[in-house]
Amino acid sequence: MTDTLQAVPAEMRSLARWVVWRLEERNGGKPTKVPYQPAHPHKKAKSTDPAHWADFDTAVSAANKNGFNGVGFVFDGSGITGVDLDRCLRNGELREWAKPIWGALAPVSYCEVTPSGEGLHFITKAKIPADGWHKLAPVYGLQGTAIEIYDNGRYFTVTGNADLNHKTIGDGQAAIEWLQAEHA
């Protein structure tokens, strides 16, 4: 895990906003990525409680030592936003509906493939407009697809499986506003 995570931008690694996560089943049998506290790996973490987060190195170490599936980055309202495109990749190729979003976000984002191998996470500097939306599913009626946007109170799993051409966090405010308007 450590080698791939070196692709994560130094700006993100320098922030103490990291948790660890484990894939667990919900009551209905659907697997979900449950966050845990790196400093107390037997306790669940809240993405709204900074006391539950740690620095990057502590989180990576805790994930490796305690058999977690990975680490996650928490959005705390300080101007970094995450966009999650579910099932936007098919056999490693970008699906048509996701191409305009890629075109808008990739130049101003750190972008990586999600743990499923079928989605992408974009992380950029932006804030969701006050009247903005957080989730759209399905996208254009395509089963299993979704667009999610968060800038506070959530976390994203981080794989380090990055497009190395797009590994910096730039000013993505215009791209987020476009995405909000395009899919309102």
Protein backbone atom coordinates (compact mmCIF):
# COMPACT_ATOMS: atom_id res chain seq x y z
CA MET A 1 0.00 0.00 0.00
CA THR A 2 2.78 2.45 0.88
CA ASP A 3 4.35 2.52 -2.61
CA THR A 4 1.17 3.50 -4.45
CA LEU A 5 0.28 6.13 -1.85
CA GLN A 6 3.39 8.10 -2.73
CA ALA A 7 1.37 9.38 -5.73
CA VAL A 8 -0.88 11.28 -3.28
CA PRO A 9 -0.01 14.99 -3.48
CA ALA A 10 2.23 16.32 -0.72
CA GLU A 11 -0.41 18.94 0.03
CA MET A 12 -2.88 16.23 1.05
CA ARG A 13 -0.26 14.14 2.86
CA SER A 14 0.69 17.20 4.96
CA LEU A 15 -2.82 17.56 6.42
CA ALA A 16 -3.89 15.67 9.56
CA ARG A 17 -7.18 14.60 7.99
CA TRP A 18 -6.66 10.87 7.55
CA VAL A 19 -8.61 7.83 8.69
CA VAL A 20 -8.32 4.11 7.96
CA TRP A 21 -11.14 2.01 6.55
CA ARG A 22 -12.37 -1.54 6.35
CA LEU A 23 -14.92 -3.06 3.97
CA GLU A 24 -17.85 -4.36 6.05
CA GLU A 25 -21.35 -5.58 5.27
CA ARG A 26 -24.40 -3.53 6.20
CA ASN A 27 -27.60 -5.08 7.49
CA GLY A 28 -28.85 -5.64 3.94
CA GLY A 29 -25.62 -7.37 2.94
CA LYS A 30 -24.34 -4.40 0.93
CA PRO A 31 -20.62 -3.80 1.59
CA THR A 32 -19.62 -0.37 2.81
CA LYS A 33 -16.30 1.31 3.61
CA VAL A 34 -16.35 1.95 7.36
CA PRO A 35 -13.87 4.54 8.72
CA TYR A 36 -11.80 3.85 11.84
CA GLN A 37 -9.49 5.99 13.96
CA PRO A 38 -5.80 5.46 13.14
CA ALA A 39 -4.74 6.14 16.75
CA HIS A 40 -7.45 3.80 18.12
CA PRO A 41 -7.95 1.23 15.35
CA HIS A 42 -10.70 -0.65 17.21
CA LYS A 43 -12.90 2.51 17.29
CA LYS A 44 -14.94 3.82 14.38
CA ALA A 45 -14.14 7.30 13.14
CA LYS A 46 -16.47 10.18 12.42
CA SER A 47 -15.73 12.36 9.42
CA THR A 48 -17.00 15.29 11.47
CA ASP A 49 -14.66 14.86 14.46
CA PRO A 50 -11.02 15.97 14.02
CA ALA A 51 -10.08 14.05 17.19
CA HIS A 52 -10.67 10.86 15.16
CA TRP A 53 -8.25 11.78 12.38
CA ALA A 54 -4.48 11.51 12.13
CA ASP A 55 -1.57 12.51 9.96
CA PHE A 56 -0.87 10.58 6.78
CA ASP A 57 2.04 8.49 8.09
CA THR A 58 0.12 7.44 11.20
CA ALA A 59 -2.86 6.39 9.08
CA VAL A 60 -0.74 4.39 6.62
CA SER A 61 1.09 2.68 9.49
CA ALA A 62 -2.20 1.85 11.25
CA ALA A 63 -3.68 0.47 8.02
CA ASN A 64 -0.67 -1.77 7.44
CA LYS A 65 -0.37 -2.99 11.06
CA ASN A 66 -4.05 -3.63 11.67
CA GLY A 67 -5.22 -5.21 8.43
CA PHE A 68 -7.37 -2.37 7.16
CA ASN A 69 -8.25 -2.13 3.48
CA GLY A 70 -6.78 1.35 3.17
CA VAL A 71 -6.70 4.98 4.21
CA GLY A 72 -9.13 7.81 3.62
CA PHE A 73 -8.96 11.59 3.37
CA VAL A 74 -11.52 13.71 5.27
CA PHE A 75 -13.16 16.83 3.82
CA ASP A 76 -13.59 19.42 6.56
CA GLY A 77 -14.96 22.50 4.80
CA SER A 78 -11.56 24.19 4.42
CA GLY A 79 -11.71 24.52 0.64
CA ILE A 80 -10.83 21.06 -0.69
CA THR A 81 -13.62 19.25 -2.53
CA GLY A 82 -13.94 15.68 -3.75
CA VAL A 83 -15.89 14.44 -6.75
CA ASP A 84 -16.68 10.73 -6.97
CA LEU A 85 -17.75 9.26 -10.30
CA ASP A 86 -19.22 5.79 -9.72
CA ARG A 87 -18.94 3.26 -12.55
CA CYS A 88 -17.46 5.76 -14.97
CA LEU A 89 -14.85 3.23 -16.14
CA ARG A 90 -15.63 0.14 -18.19
CA ASN A 91 -12.71 -2.21 -18.82
CA GLY A 92 -10.38 0.64 -17.87
CA GLU A 93 -11.90 3.02 -20.43
CA LEU A 94 -13.76 6.21 -19.56
CA ARG A 95 -17.47 5.98 -20.36
CA GLU A 96 -19.01 8.66 -22.60
CA TRP A 97 -21.03 10.36 -19.85
CA ALA A 98 -17.86 10.94 -17.79
CA LYS A 99 -15.70 12.43 -20.56
CA PRO A 100 -16.90 16.06 -20.19
CA ILE A 101 -16.46 15.81 -16.42
CA TRP A 102 -12.94 14.43 -16.88
CA GLY A 103 -12.18 17.27 -19.28
CA ALA A 104 -13.29 19.88 -16.74
CA LEU A 105 -11.79 18.37 -13.58
CA ALA A 106 -8.61 16.51 -14.58
CA PRO A 107 -6.51 19.62 -15.32
CA VAL A 108 -7.23 21.08 -11.85
CA SER A 109 -7.40 17.93 -9.73
CA TYR A 110 -5.57 15.03 -8.23
CA CYS A 111 -7.34 12.08 -9.86
CA GLU A 112 -7.20 8.40 -8.93
CA VAL A 113 -9.06 5.17 -9.54
CA THR A 114 -11.35 4.09 -6.70
CA PRO A 115 -10.95 0.76 -4.84
CA SER A 116 -13.59 -0.90 -7.07
CA GLY A 117 -11.53 -0.12 -10.18
CA GLU A 118 -14.71 1.22 -11.81
CA GLY A 119 -14.77 4.77 -10.52
CA LEU A 120 -12.68 7.90 -10.24
CA HIS A 121 -12.04 10.35 -7.42
CA PHE A 122 -11.07 13.94 -8.20
CA ILE A 123 -9.76 16.16 -5.41
CA THR A 124 -9.50 19.89 -6.08
CA LYS A 125 -9.56 23.28 -4.38
CA ALA A 126 -13.16 24.47 -4.40
CA LYS A 127 -16.32 24.88 -2.37
CA ILE A 128 -19.73 23.59 -3.30
CA PRO A 129 -22.12 26.50 -3.97
CA ALA A 130 -24.53 27.16 -1.08
CA ASP A 131 -27.47 25.91 -3.16
CA GLY A 132 -25.47 23.03 -4.66
CA TRP A 133 -26.29 19.32 -4.75
CA HIS A 134 -24.24 16.42 -3.36
CA LYS A 135 -25.41 13.32 -5.20
CA LEU A 136 -26.87 12.52 -8.58
CA ALA A 137 -27.78 8.91 -9.31
CA PRO A 138 -28.19 7.39 -11.75
CA VAL A 139 -26.40 9.54 -14.31
CA TYR A 140 -28.41 9.80 -17.54
CA GLY A 141 -30.47 6.82 -16.37
CA LEU A 142 -27.49 4.42 -16.43
CA GLN A 143 -27.88 1.80 -13.69
CA GLY A 144 -25.26 1.96 -10.93
CA THR A 145 -23.75 5.28 -11.99
CA ALA A 146 -23.52 8.29 -9.72
CA ILE A 147 -21.81 11.62 -9.27
CA GLU A 148 -21.10 12.66 -5.69
CA ILE A 149 -19.53 15.93 -4.56
CA TYR A 150 -18.42 16.68 -1.00
CA ASP A 151 -16.45 19.43 0.70
CA ASN A 152 -17.35 18.81 4.34
CA GLY A 153 -18.34 16.00 6.70
CA ARG A 154 -17.32 13.12 4.43
CA TYR A 155 -14.23 11.16 3.53
CA PHE A 156 -12.95 9.47 0.38
CA THR A 157 -10.96 6.30 0.26
CA VAL A 158 -7.50 6.98 -1.19
CA THR A 159 -5.75 4.36 -3.30
CA GLY A 160 -2.82 6.22 -4.83
CA ASN A 161 -3.78 4.53 -8.12
CA ALA A 162 -3.40 7.86 -9.83
CA ASP A 163 -3.24 9.27 -13.29
CA LEU A 164 0.21 10.76 -12.85
CA ASN A 165 -0.55 13.45 -15.41
CA HIS A 166 -3.15 14.79 -12.98
CA LYS A 167 -1.58 14.64 -9.54
CA THR A 168 -1.78 18.20 -8.29
CA ILE A 169 -4.59 20.00 -6.52
CA GLY A 170 -5.40 23.15 -8.46
CA ASP A 171 -8.16 25.73 -8.37
CA GLY A 172 -11.23 23.77 -9.42
CA GLN A 173 -13.93 26.26 -8.43
CA ALA A 174 -15.01 26.92 -12.02
CA ALA A 175 -15.10 23.19 -12.77
CA ILE A 176 -17.23 22.45 -9.68
CA GLU A 177 -19.62 25.28 -10.55
CA TRP A 178 -19.87 23.97 -14.14
CA LEU A 179 -20.56 20.43 -12.88
CA GLN A 180 -23.22 21.70 -10.47
CA ALA A 181 -24.94 23.67 -13.25
CA GLU A 182 -24.56 20.98 -15.91
CA HIS A 183 -26.22 18.33 -13.74
CA ALA A 184 -28.63 20.51 -11.72
